[in-house]
Amino acid sequence: MLRSHARETREALEAEYERRIEALGGRWERGRLIFDAEVRRRQRRARQAFAEYVRGIKPLNVITAPVIYSVLIAFVVMDLFVTVYMHVCFPVYGIPKVRRRDHVKVDRHRLPYLNWVQKVNCVYCGYGNGVIAYAREIAARTEAYWCPIKHAERWDGAHDHYAGFMDYGDERDFVSRWADSRSQITGGKRADRPVHVDVNQD
C-alpha cells in the first residue's frame, strides 16, 4: 500500500512537471525535449557572461574543485564494477537487469542559458548522481532477493523496495515470505526458496 501511494505521488509529480514544461514552450520529439527557436533565443539572452561568472567565484571554490572532480575516478570505477556484477549475477538469480539509461541522465549541458563552466559542472553532477542512483537500484534489487528485512531503527535511505520488506523481529512465516519477496523481485522467474532453518532448535 505504501509503495502504491509512493508510485502515485511520483506519477502526479511527473504529470505536473510535464505541464510546466509545456508552459515553458517545450515539447518532446523522439525522446528529447525541444524548445522553439524563440524560446531558445530567450534562453541564450539569459546566459551569464563568462567574465561575470568568474568574478563571482569564491577562491575556496577554485581550491576545492580538484577534490570534487577527483571523485570522478570513484564514479567511473563504481559504474564499471556494478555493471559487471549485475550482468554476471542477476541472470543467475533471475533478477531483471537495471536499465542504466533510466538512471544516468546527462542532458543539462544542452541548455542555452548555461555557460561552458556551468555545463561541465552539470555533466559531472548528472553523471555522478546518475551512477549512484544506478548502483543503488542494483543494490536494492540484490537486497530484496537476499535480505528483505527492515532495519530495527528508522532508515532515511530507504529505497523503493524497502516498504515491502518484512518487519525486523517478525519471524512468522519467514521462509515463505522470503520466497515471496524473491518471487516479486524476479517476477516469478527462478525464485528459489531460501534454505529452511528451524528457529526452535537449540
N, C-alpha and C. Protein backbone atom coordinates (compact mmCIF):
# COMPACT_ATOMS: atom_id res chain seq x y z
N MET A 1 0.83 -1.20 0.00
CA MET A 1 0.00 0.00 0.00
C MET A 1 0.87 1.26 0.00
N LEU A 2 1.91 1.27 0.84
CA LEU A 2 2.81 2.42 0.90
C LEU A 2 3.53 2.60 -0.42
N ARG A 3 3.95 1.47 -1.02
CA ARG A 3 4.64 1.55 -2.30
C ARG A 3 3.71 2.08 -3.39
N SER A 4 2.45 1.66 -3.34
CA SER A 4 1.47 2.14 -4.31
C SER A 4 1.25 3.64 -4.16
N HIS A 5 1.18 4.10 -2.91
CA HIS A 5 0.99 5.53 -2.67
C HIS A 5 2.20 6.32 -3.15
N ALA A 6 3.39 5.80 -2.92
CA ALA A 6 4.61 6.47 -3.37
C ALA A 6 4.65 6.56 -4.89
N ARG A 7 4.22 5.48 -5.54
CA ARG A 7 4.19 5.47 -7.01
C ARG A 7 3.19 6.49 -7.54
N GLU A 8 2.02 6.58 -6.90
CA GLU A 8 1.01 7.55 -7.32
C GLU A 8 1.51 8.98 -7.13
N THR A 9 2.21 9.21 -6.02
CA THR A 9 2.77 10.55 -5.77
C THR A 9 3.79 10.91 -6.83
N ARG A 10 4.65 9.96 -7.17
CA ARG A 10 5.68 10.19 -8.19
C ARG A 10 5.04 10.47 -9.55
N GLU A 11 4.00 9.73 -9.88
CA GLU A 11 3.31 9.94 -11.16
C GLU A 11 2.64 11.32 -11.20
N ALA A 12 2.09 11.76 -10.07
CA ALA A 12 1.46 13.08 -10.01
C ALA A 12 2.51 14.18 -10.19
N LEU A 13 3.68 14.00 -9.59
CA LEU A 13 4.76 14.97 -9.74
C LEU A 13 5.25 15.03 -11.18
N GLU A 14 5.34 13.86 -11.82
CA GLU A 14 5.77 13.82 -13.21
C GLU A 14 4.76 14.50 -14.13
N ALA A 15 3.48 14.31 -13.84
CA ALA A 15 2.44 14.96 -14.64
C ALA A 15 2.51 16.48 -14.48
N GLU A 16 2.75 16.94 -13.26
CA GLU A 16 2.89 18.37 -13.02
C GLU A 16 4.11 18.92 -13.74
N TYR A 17 5.20 18.16 -13.75
CA TYR A 17 6.42 18.58 -14.46
C TYR A 17 6.15 18.72 -15.96
N GLU A 18 5.40 17.79 -16.52
CA GLU A 18 5.06 17.86 -17.95
C GLU A 18 4.25 19.11 -18.26
N ARG A 19 3.34 19.46 -17.38
CA ARG A 19 2.53 20.67 -17.58
C ARG A 19 3.40 21.92 -17.55
N ARG A 20 4.36 21.94 -16.65
CA ARG A 20 5.25 23.10 -16.53
C ARG A 20 6.17 23.21 -17.74
N ILE A 21 6.64 22.07 -18.25
CA ILE A 21 7.47 22.07 -19.46
C ILE A 21 6.69 22.63 -20.65
N GLU A 22 5.45 22.20 -20.77
CA GLU A 22 4.61 22.68 -21.86
C GLU A 22 4.38 24.19 -21.75
N ALA A 23 4.21 24.67 -20.51
CA ALA A 23 4.01 26.11 -20.29
C ALA A 23 5.25 26.91 -20.68
N LEU A 24 6.43 26.29 -20.57
CA LEU A 24 7.68 26.95 -20.94
C LEU A 24 7.92 26.92 -22.45
N GLY A 25 7.08 26.22 -23.17
CA GLY A 25 7.23 26.14 -24.62
C GLY A 25 8.00 24.93 -25.10
N GLY A 26 8.11 23.92 -24.26
CA GLY A 26 8.84 22.71 -24.63
C GLY A 26 7.93 21.61 -25.15
N ARG A 27 8.51 20.71 -25.91
CA ARG A 27 7.76 19.55 -26.42
C ARG A 27 8.75 18.40 -26.61
N TRP A 28 8.22 17.20 -26.59
CA TRP A 28 9.06 16.01 -26.73
C TRP A 28 9.06 15.53 -28.18
N GLU A 29 10.26 15.29 -28.71
CA GLU A 29 10.42 14.73 -30.04
C GLU A 29 11.48 13.63 -30.00
N ARG A 30 11.06 12.40 -30.31
CA ARG A 30 11.98 11.26 -30.32
C ARG A 30 12.73 11.11 -29.00
N GLY A 31 12.00 11.30 -27.91
CA GLY A 31 12.58 11.12 -26.59
C GLY A 31 13.45 12.26 -26.12
N ARG A 32 13.42 13.39 -26.82
CA ARG A 32 14.26 14.52 -26.46
C ARG A 32 13.40 15.77 -26.32
N LEU A 33 13.67 16.56 -25.28
CA LEU A 33 12.90 17.77 -25.03
C LEU A 33 13.41 18.89 -25.93
N ILE A 34 12.51 19.47 -26.72
CA ILE A 34 12.86 20.50 -27.68
C ILE A 34 12.11 21.80 -27.35
N PHE A 35 12.83 22.93 -27.49
CA PHE A 35 12.21 24.24 -27.32
C PHE A 35 12.18 24.95 -28.67
N ASP A 36 11.16 25.75 -28.89
CA ASP A 36 11.05 26.51 -30.12
C ASP A 36 12.19 27.52 -30.23
N ALA A 37 12.42 28.02 -31.47
CA ALA A 37 13.53 28.93 -31.73
C ALA A 37 13.45 30.19 -30.87
N GLU A 38 12.27 30.74 -30.73
CA GLU A 38 12.11 31.96 -29.93
C GLU A 38 12.45 31.71 -28.46
N VAL A 39 12.05 30.55 -27.96
CA VAL A 39 12.36 30.20 -26.57
C VAL A 39 13.87 30.04 -26.40
N ARG A 40 14.54 29.41 -27.37
CA ARG A 40 15.99 29.23 -27.28
C ARG A 40 16.71 30.58 -27.32
N ARG A 41 16.22 31.51 -28.13
CA ARG A 41 16.83 32.84 -28.16
C ARG A 41 16.68 33.54 -26.81
N ARG A 42 15.53 33.39 -26.21
CA ARG A 42 15.31 33.98 -24.89
C ARG A 42 16.23 33.34 -23.85
N GLN A 43 16.42 32.04 -23.96
CA GLN A 43 17.30 31.35 -23.03
C GLN A 43 18.75 31.79 -23.20
N ARG A 44 19.19 31.98 -24.45
CA ARG A 44 20.57 32.43 -24.69
C ARG A 44 20.80 33.83 -24.12
N ARG A 45 19.79 34.67 -24.19
CA ARG A 45 19.93 36.03 -23.65
C ARG A 45 20.08 36.01 -22.13
N ALA A 46 19.60 34.96 -21.49
CA ALA A 46 19.69 34.84 -20.04
C ALA A 46 21.03 34.29 -19.57
N ARG A 47 21.89 33.86 -20.51
CA ARG A 47 23.17 33.26 -20.14
C ARG A 47 24.09 34.29 -19.50
N GLN A 48 24.67 33.92 -18.39
CA GLN A 48 25.61 34.80 -17.69
C GLN A 48 26.94 34.83 -18.43
N ALA A 49 27.46 36.02 -18.66
CA ALA A 49 28.75 36.15 -19.34
C ALA A 49 29.84 35.47 -18.53
N PHE A 50 30.78 34.84 -19.25
CA PHE A 50 31.83 34.09 -18.56
C PHE A 50 32.63 34.97 -17.61
N ALA A 51 32.97 36.19 -18.05
CA ALA A 51 33.75 37.10 -17.21
C ALA A 51 33.00 37.44 -15.93
N GLU A 52 31.71 37.67 -16.06
CA GLU A 52 30.89 37.97 -14.88
C GLU A 52 30.81 36.76 -13.96
N TYR A 53 30.70 35.59 -14.56
CA TYR A 53 30.64 34.35 -13.78
C TYR A 53 31.93 34.15 -12.99
N VAL A 54 33.08 34.38 -13.64
CA VAL A 54 34.38 34.18 -12.99
C VAL A 54 34.55 35.15 -11.83
N ARG A 55 34.11 36.38 -12.00
CA ARG A 55 34.24 37.37 -10.92
C ARG A 55 33.46 36.96 -9.67
N GLY A 56 32.43 36.17 -9.86
CA GLY A 56 31.62 35.76 -8.72
C GLY A 56 32.09 34.48 -8.04
N ILE A 57 33.14 33.86 -8.58
CA ILE A 57 33.64 32.61 -7.99
C ILE A 57 34.48 32.90 -6.75
N LYS A 58 34.20 32.22 -5.67
CA LYS A 58 34.98 32.37 -4.44
C LYS A 58 36.30 31.60 -4.57
N PRO A 59 37.40 32.14 -4.03
CA PRO A 59 38.69 31.45 -4.11
C PRO A 59 38.66 30.03 -3.57
N LEU A 60 37.91 29.81 -2.49
CA LEU A 60 37.84 28.47 -1.91
C LEU A 60 37.16 27.49 -2.86
N ASN A 61 36.24 27.98 -3.69
CA ASN A 61 35.60 27.11 -4.68
C ASN A 61 36.62 26.60 -5.69
N VAL A 62 37.55 27.47 -6.07
CA VAL A 62 38.60 27.07 -7.02
C VAL A 62 39.53 26.06 -6.37
N ILE A 63 39.88 26.30 -5.11
CA ILE A 63 40.81 25.42 -4.40
C ILE A 63 40.23 24.02 -4.22
N THR A 64 38.93 23.95 -3.94
CA THR A 64 38.31 22.64 -3.68
C THR A 64 37.88 21.92 -4.96
N ALA A 65 37.90 22.61 -6.10
CA ALA A 65 37.46 21.98 -7.36
C ALA A 65 38.20 20.69 -7.69
N PRO A 66 39.55 20.64 -7.54
CA PRO A 66 40.24 19.37 -7.85
C PRO A 66 39.78 18.22 -6.96
N VAL A 67 39.44 18.53 -5.71
CA VAL A 67 38.96 17.48 -4.80
C VAL A 67 37.61 16.96 -5.28
N ILE A 68 36.74 17.89 -5.66
CA ILE A 68 35.42 17.50 -6.15
C ILE A 68 35.54 16.61 -7.38
N TYR A 69 36.35 17.04 -8.34
CA TYR A 69 36.43 16.30 -9.60
C TYR A 69 37.26 15.03 -9.49
N SER A 70 38.06 14.90 -8.44
CA SER A 70 38.81 13.65 -8.26
C SER A 70 37.88 12.47 -7.97
N VAL A 71 36.69 12.78 -7.44
CA VAL A 71 35.72 11.72 -7.14
C VAL A 71 35.20 11.08 -8.43
N LEU A 72 35.42 11.74 -9.57
CA LEU A 72 35.01 11.17 -10.85
C LEU A 72 35.62 9.78 -11.05
N ILE A 73 36.84 9.60 -10.56
CA ILE A 73 37.50 8.29 -10.68
C ILE A 73 36.68 7.23 -9.97
N ALA A 74 36.21 7.55 -8.77
CA ALA A 74 35.40 6.59 -8.00
C ALA A 74 34.09 6.30 -8.71
N PHE A 75 33.48 7.34 -9.30
CA PHE A 75 32.23 7.13 -10.02
C PHE A 75 32.41 6.19 -11.21
N VAL A 76 33.49 6.39 -11.96
CA VAL A 76 33.75 5.55 -13.13
C VAL A 76 34.00 4.10 -12.71
N VAL A 77 34.80 3.93 -11.65
CA VAL A 77 35.09 2.58 -11.16
C VAL A 77 33.82 1.90 -10.67
N MET A 78 33.00 2.63 -9.90
CA MET A 78 31.74 2.06 -9.41
C MET A 78 30.82 1.71 -10.56
N ASP A 79 30.73 2.59 -11.54
CA ASP A 79 29.91 2.35 -12.72
C ASP A 79 30.31 1.03 -13.39
N LEU A 80 31.61 0.84 -13.56
CA LEU A 80 32.12 -0.38 -14.20
C LEU A 80 31.83 -1.62 -13.36
N PHE A 81 32.14 -1.54 -12.06
CA PHE A 81 32.02 -2.72 -11.21
C PHE A 81 30.57 -3.17 -11.02
N VAL A 82 29.66 -2.22 -10.77
CA VAL A 82 28.28 -2.64 -10.55
C VAL A 82 27.65 -3.16 -11.84
N THR A 83 28.11 -2.63 -12.98
CA THR A 83 27.60 -3.13 -14.27
C THR A 83 28.04 -4.56 -14.51
N VAL A 84 29.32 -4.83 -14.25
CA VAL A 84 29.84 -6.20 -14.41
C VAL A 84 29.13 -7.14 -13.44
N TYR A 85 28.99 -6.71 -12.18
CA TYR A 85 28.31 -7.52 -11.18
C TYR A 85 26.89 -7.87 -11.62
N MET A 86 26.16 -6.86 -12.09
CA MET A 86 24.77 -7.08 -12.50
C MET A 86 24.68 -8.07 -13.65
N HIS A 87 25.53 -7.90 -14.66
CA HIS A 87 25.46 -8.77 -15.84
C HIS A 87 25.91 -10.20 -15.53
N VAL A 88 26.76 -10.37 -14.53
CA VAL A 88 27.22 -11.71 -14.15
C VAL A 88 26.21 -12.39 -13.23
N CYS A 89 25.73 -11.66 -12.22
CA CYS A 89 24.95 -12.28 -11.14
C CYS A 89 23.43 -12.25 -11.34
N PHE A 90 22.90 -11.18 -11.88
CA PHE A 90 21.45 -11.09 -11.98
C PHE A 90 20.82 -12.20 -12.82
N PRO A 91 21.43 -12.61 -13.93
CA PRO A 91 20.85 -13.74 -14.68
C PRO A 91 20.81 -15.02 -13.85
N VAL A 92 21.80 -15.20 -12.97
CA VAL A 92 21.83 -16.39 -12.11
C VAL A 92 20.67 -16.36 -11.12
N TYR A 93 20.40 -15.18 -10.55
CA TYR A 93 19.34 -15.04 -9.56
C TYR A 93 17.96 -14.92 -10.20
N GLY A 94 17.92 -14.57 -11.48
CA GLY A 94 16.65 -14.33 -12.14
C GLY A 94 16.11 -12.93 -11.92
N ILE A 95 16.98 -12.02 -11.47
CA ILE A 95 16.58 -10.63 -11.21
C ILE A 95 16.67 -9.83 -12.51
N PRO A 96 15.65 -9.08 -12.86
CA PRO A 96 15.72 -8.25 -14.08
C PRO A 96 16.84 -7.22 -13.97
N LYS A 97 17.55 -7.01 -15.06
CA LYS A 97 18.64 -6.03 -15.06
C LYS A 97 18.09 -4.61 -14.97
N VAL A 98 18.87 -3.75 -14.36
CA VAL A 98 18.54 -2.33 -14.25
C VAL A 98 18.97 -1.63 -15.53
N ARG A 99 18.08 -0.84 -16.10
CA ARG A 99 18.45 -0.09 -17.31
C ARG A 99 19.24 1.15 -16.89
N ARG A 100 20.48 1.17 -17.27
CA ARG A 100 21.37 2.26 -16.87
C ARG A 100 20.86 3.61 -17.34
N ARG A 101 20.32 3.66 -18.54
CA ARG A 101 19.87 4.94 -19.10
C ARG A 101 18.67 5.51 -18.34
N ASP A 102 17.99 4.69 -17.55
CA ASP A 102 16.89 5.20 -16.75
C ASP A 102 17.38 6.00 -15.55
N HIS A 103 18.66 5.84 -15.21
CA HIS A 103 19.21 6.48 -14.02
C HIS A 103 20.31 7.49 -14.33
N VAL A 104 21.14 7.21 -15.30
CA VAL A 104 22.23 8.12 -15.66
C VAL A 104 21.74 9.07 -16.74
N LYS A 105 21.47 10.30 -16.35
CA LYS A 105 20.95 11.31 -17.27
C LYS A 105 21.96 12.45 -17.41
N VAL A 106 22.47 12.63 -18.61
CA VAL A 106 23.40 13.73 -18.89
C VAL A 106 22.80 14.52 -20.05
N ASP A 107 22.08 15.59 -19.71
CA ASP A 107 21.39 16.35 -20.76
C ASP A 107 21.36 17.86 -20.51
N ARG A 108 21.69 18.29 -19.31
CA ARG A 108 21.54 19.71 -18.99
C ARG A 108 22.56 20.59 -19.70
N HIS A 109 23.62 19.98 -20.23
CA HIS A 109 24.62 20.77 -20.97
C HIS A 109 24.05 21.34 -22.26
N ARG A 110 22.88 20.87 -22.67
CA ARG A 110 22.25 21.38 -23.89
C ARG A 110 21.47 22.68 -23.67
N LEU A 111 21.35 23.11 -22.43
CA LEU A 111 20.58 24.32 -22.13
C LEU A 111 21.35 25.57 -22.57
N PRO A 112 20.75 26.43 -23.39
CA PRO A 112 21.44 27.60 -23.93
C PRO A 112 21.82 28.64 -22.88
N TYR A 113 21.15 28.66 -21.73
CA TYR A 113 21.42 29.71 -20.74
C TYR A 113 22.55 29.35 -19.78
N LEU A 114 23.24 28.24 -20.02
CA LEU A 114 24.40 27.87 -19.22
C LEU A 114 25.67 28.22 -19.98
N ASN A 115 26.67 28.78 -19.27
CA ASN A 115 27.98 28.97 -19.90
C ASN A 115 28.74 27.65 -19.84
N TRP A 116 29.93 27.62 -20.44
CA TRP A 116 30.61 26.32 -20.60
C TRP A 116 31.04 25.72 -19.26
N VAL A 117 31.38 26.57 -18.28
CA VAL A 117 31.77 26.03 -16.96
C VAL A 117 30.56 25.39 -16.29
N GLN A 118 29.44 26.07 -16.35
CA GLN A 118 28.22 25.52 -15.76
C GLN A 118 27.81 24.23 -16.45
N LYS A 119 28.03 24.15 -17.76
CA LYS A 119 27.70 22.93 -18.49
C LYS A 119 28.57 21.76 -18.04
N VAL A 120 29.87 22.03 -17.86
CA VAL A 120 30.78 20.98 -17.38
C VAL A 120 30.34 20.50 -16.00
N ASN A 121 30.01 21.44 -15.12
CA ASN A 121 29.57 21.08 -13.78
C ASN A 121 28.29 20.24 -13.82
N CYS A 122 27.38 20.60 -14.71
CA CYS A 122 26.12 19.86 -14.82
C CYS A 122 26.34 18.45 -15.38
N VAL A 123 27.27 18.32 -16.31
CA VAL A 123 27.61 16.99 -16.84
C VAL A 123 28.15 16.12 -15.71
N TYR A 124 29.06 16.69 -14.93
CA TYR A 124 29.66 15.93 -13.82
C TYR A 124 28.60 15.52 -12.79
N CYS A 125 27.76 16.46 -12.39
CA CYS A 125 26.74 16.16 -11.39
C CYS A 125 25.72 15.15 -11.91
N GLY A 126 25.35 15.30 -13.19
CA GLY A 126 24.40 14.37 -13.77
C GLY A 126 24.95 12.95 -13.81
N TYR A 127 26.22 12.83 -14.18
CA TYR A 127 26.84 11.51 -14.24
C TYR A 127 27.02 10.93 -12.84
N GLY A 128 27.57 11.72 -11.92
CA GLY A 128 27.82 11.23 -10.58
C GLY A 128 26.57 10.78 -9.87
N ASN A 129 25.55 11.63 -9.86
CA ASN A 129 24.30 11.27 -9.20
C ASN A 129 23.59 10.14 -9.93
N GLY A 130 23.73 10.11 -11.25
CA GLY A 130 23.13 9.03 -12.02
C GLY A 130 23.74 7.68 -11.70
N VAL A 131 25.06 7.63 -11.60
CA VAL A 131 25.74 6.38 -11.27
C VAL A 131 25.35 5.91 -9.88
N ILE A 132 25.25 6.85 -8.94
CA ILE A 132 24.84 6.49 -7.58
C ILE A 132 23.43 5.91 -7.59
N ALA A 133 22.52 6.54 -8.33
CA ALA A 133 21.14 6.04 -8.42
C ALA A 133 21.10 4.67 -9.09
N TYR A 134 21.91 4.49 -10.11
CA TYR A 134 22.02 3.22 -10.84
C TYR A 134 22.53 2.12 -9.92
N ALA A 135 23.61 2.42 -9.19
CA ALA A 135 24.18 1.44 -8.26
C ALA A 135 23.21 1.15 -7.12
N ARG A 136 22.51 2.17 -6.67
CA ARG A 136 21.54 2.00 -5.58
C ARG A 136 20.43 1.04 -5.98
N GLU A 137 19.92 1.15 -7.21
CA GLU A 137 18.85 0.26 -7.64
C GLU A 137 19.35 -1.16 -7.79
N ILE A 138 20.58 -1.32 -8.27
CA ILE A 138 21.17 -2.66 -8.36
C ILE A 138 21.30 -3.27 -6.97
N ALA A 139 21.80 -2.47 -6.02
CA ALA A 139 21.95 -2.95 -4.65
C ALA A 139 20.59 -3.22 -4.01
N ALA A 140 19.60 -2.39 -4.31
CA ALA A 140 18.26 -2.56 -3.74
C ALA A 140 17.62 -3.86 -4.20
N ARG A 141 17.76 -4.17 -5.49
CA ARG A 141 17.20 -5.43 -6.00
C ARG A 141 17.94 -6.62 -5.41
N THR A 142 19.23 -6.47 -5.20
CA THR A 142 20.00 -7.53 -4.56
C THR A 142 19.51 -7.75 -3.13
N GLU A 143 19.28 -6.65 -2.41
CA GLU A 143 18.81 -6.75 -1.03
C GLU A 143 17.42 -7.38 -0.97
N ALA A 144 16.56 -7.02 -1.91
CA ALA A 144 15.21 -7.59 -1.93
C ALA A 144 15.25 -9.09 -2.15
N TYR A 145 16.28 -9.57 -2.82
CA TYR A 145 16.43 -11.00 -3.09
C TYR A 145 17.07 -11.73 -1.91
N TRP A 146 18.11 -11.14 -1.33
CA TRP A 146 18.90 -11.84 -0.32
C TRP A 146 18.55 -11.50 1.13
N CYS A 147 18.05 -10.30 1.39
CA CYS A 147 17.78 -9.93 2.79
C CYS A 147 16.63 -8.93 2.88
N PRO A 148 15.41 -9.34 2.56
CA PRO A 148 14.27 -8.42 2.56
C PRO A 148 13.70 -8.18 3.96
N ILE A 149 14.53 -7.69 4.86
CA ILE A 149 14.13 -7.44 6.25
C ILE A 149 14.44 -5.98 6.58
N LYS A 150 13.48 -5.30 7.19
CA LYS A 150 13.70 -3.91 7.56
C LYS A 150 14.70 -3.80 8.72
N HIS A 151 15.34 -2.66 8.83
CA HIS A 151 16.25 -2.40 9.94
C HIS A 151 15.45 -2.14 11.21
N ALA A 152 16.10 -2.34 12.36
CA ALA A 152 15.43 -2.10 13.64
C ALA A 152 15.15 -0.60 13.82
N GLU A 153 16.11 0.23 13.43
CA GLU A 153 15.96 1.67 13.59
C GLU A 153 15.45 2.30 12.29
N ARG A 154 14.95 3.50 12.41
CA ARG A 154 14.48 4.24 11.23
C ARG A 154 15.66 4.44 10.27
N TRP A 155 15.39 4.27 8.99
CA TRP A 155 16.43 4.37 7.96
C TRP A 155 16.02 5.42 6.94
N ASP A 156 16.75 6.52 6.91
CA ASP A 156 16.43 7.60 5.98
C ASP A 156 16.79 7.27 4.54
N GLY A 157 17.56 6.21 4.34
CA GLY A 157 17.99 5.85 2.99
C GLY A 157 17.13 4.80 2.33
N ALA A 158 15.88 4.66 2.77
CA ALA A 158 15.01 3.61 2.24
C ALA A 158 14.79 3.76 0.73
N HIS A 159 14.92 2.65 0.00
CA HIS A 159 14.70 2.65 -1.44
C HIS A 159 13.26 2.20 -1.74
N ASP A 160 12.92 2.13 -3.01
CA ASP A 160 11.54 1.83 -3.41
C ASP A 160 11.08 0.44 -2.99
N HIS A 161 12.00 -0.50 -2.83
CA HIS A 161 11.62 -1.88 -2.48
C HIS A 161 11.45 -2.06 -0.97
N TYR A 162 11.98 -1.12 -0.19
CA TYR A 162 12.09 -1.30 1.25
C TYR A 162 10.74 -1.43 1.95
N ALA A 163 9.72 -0.71 1.47
CA ALA A 163 8.41 -0.74 2.13
C ALA A 163 7.81 -2.14 2.13
N GLY A 164 8.19 -2.97 1.17
CA GLY A 164 7.66 -4.33 1.09
C GLY A 164 8.45 -5.35 1.88
N PHE A 165 9.51 -4.91 2.56
CA PHE A 165 10.34 -5.83 3.34
C PHE A 165 9.61 -6.26 4.62
N MET A 166 10.03 -7.39 5.17
CA MET A 166 9.46 -7.89 6.42
C MET A 166 9.95 -7.04 7.60
N ASP A 167 9.10 -6.93 8.61
CA ASP A 167 9.48 -6.15 9.79
C ASP A 167 10.60 -6.84 10.56
N TYR A 168 11.44 -6.05 11.16
CA TYR A 168 12.53 -6.55 11.99
C TYR A 168 11.96 -7.32 13.18
N GLY A 169 12.39 -8.55 13.36
CA GLY A 169 11.94 -9.35 14.50
C GLY A 169 10.68 -10.14 14.27
N ASP A 170 10.05 -10.00 13.11
CA ASP A 170 8.82 -10.74 12.81
C ASP A 170 9.18 -12.04 12.08
N GLU A 171 9.20 -13.13 12.84
CA GLU A 171 9.64 -14.41 12.29
C GLU A 171 8.50 -15.24 11.68
N ARG A 172 7.27 -14.74 11.75
CA ARG A 172 6.12 -15.51 11.28
C ARG A 172 6.23 -15.79 9.78
N ASP A 173 6.11 -17.07 9.44
CA ASP A 173 6.16 -17.50 8.03
C ASP A 173 7.36 -16.90 7.30
N PHE A 174 8.48 -16.82 8.02
CA PHE A 174 9.65 -16.13 7.47
C PHE A 174 10.12 -16.74 6.16
N VAL A 175 10.23 -18.05 6.12
CA VAL A 175 10.77 -18.71 4.92
C VAL A 175 9.88 -18.48 3.71
N SER A 176 8.57 -18.65 3.88
CA SER A 176 7.66 -18.47 2.74
C SER A 176 7.59 -17.01 2.32
N ARG A 177 7.66 -16.08 3.27
CA ARG A 177 7.62 -14.66 2.92
C ARG A 177 8.91 -14.23 2.23
N TRP A 178 10.01 -14.83 2.62
CA TRP A 178 11.27 -14.55 1.94
C TRP A 178 11.18 -15.02 0.49
N ALA A 179 10.61 -16.21 0.32
CA ALA A 179 10.43 -16.73 -1.03
C ALA A 179 9.50 -15.83 -1.84
N ASP A 180 8.47 -15.29 -1.18
CA ASP A 180 7.56 -14.37 -1.87
C ASP A 180 8.29 -13.11 -2.32
N SER A 181 9.19 -12.62 -1.46
CA SER A 181 9.97 -11.43 -1.82
C SER A 181 10.84 -11.70 -3.04
N ARG A 182 11.44 -12.88 -3.06
CA ARG A 182 12.26 -13.25 -4.22
C ARG A 182 11.41 -13.36 -5.47
N SER A 183 10.23 -13.94 -5.31
CA SER A 183 9.35 -14.09 -6.46
C SER A 183 8.91 -12.74 -7.00
N GLN A 184 8.70 -11.79 -6.08
CA GLN A 184 8.27 -10.46 -6.50
C GLN A 184 9.38 -9.74 -7.26
N ILE A 185 10.61 -9.82 -6.77
CA ILE A 185 11.70 -9.10 -7.41
C ILE A 185 12.12 -9.76 -8.72
N THR A 186 11.89 -11.05 -8.85
CA THR A 186 12.26 -11.75 -10.08
C THR A 186 11.10 -11.88 -11.05
N GLY A 187 9.91 -11.47 -10.63
CA GLY A 187 8.75 -11.65 -11.48
C GLY A 187 8.35 -13.11 -11.59
N GLY A 188 8.72 -13.90 -10.56
CA GLY A 188 8.39 -15.32 -10.55
C GLY A 188 9.38 -16.20 -11.27
N LYS A 189 10.45 -15.60 -11.80
CA LYS A 189 11.43 -16.37 -12.57
C LYS A 189 12.53 -16.89 -11.65
N ARG A 190 12.67 -18.19 -11.61
CA ARG A 190 13.76 -18.84 -10.89
C ARG A 190 13.88 -18.32 -9.46
N ALA A 191 12.76 -18.14 -8.83
CA ALA A 191 12.76 -17.63 -7.46
C ALA A 191 12.94 -18.78 -6.48
N ASP A 192 14.16 -19.26 -6.35
CA ASP A 192 14.46 -20.40 -5.48
C ASP A 192 14.11 -20.07 -4.04
N ARG A 193 13.56 -21.04 -3.34
CA ARG A 193 13.23 -20.84 -1.93
C ARG A 193 14.51 -20.84 -1.12
N PRO A 194 14.62 -19.98 -0.10
CA PRO A 194 15.79 -19.98 0.76
C PRO A 194 15.84 -21.25 1.60
N VAL A 195 17.01 -21.57 2.08
CA VAL A 195 17.19 -22.76 2.90
C VAL A 195 16.41 -22.61 4.20
N HIS A 196 15.63 -23.63 4.56
CA HIS A 196 14.84 -23.56 5.79
C HIS A 196 15.72 -23.85 7.00
N VAL A 197 15.59 -22.99 8.00
CA VAL A 197 16.31 -23.18 9.25
C VAL A 197 15.29 -23.25 10.37
N ASP A 198 15.34 -24.28 11.20
CA ASP A 198 14.41 -24.44 12.31
C ASP A 198 14.81 -23.48 13.42
N VAL A 199 14.03 -22.42 13.63
CA VAL A 199 14.38 -21.41 14.64
C VAL A 199 14.16 -21.92 16.05
N ASN A 200 13.50 -23.06 16.20
CA ASN A 200 13.22 -23.59 17.53
C ASN A 200 14.32 -24.52 18.03
N GLN A 201 15.25 -24.88 17.14
CA GLN A 201 16.28 -25.81 17.58
C GLN A 201 17.31 -25.10 18.44
N ASP A 202 17.86 -25.80 19.41
CA ASP A 202 18.85 -25.22 20.34
C ASP A 202 20.22 -25.19 19.70
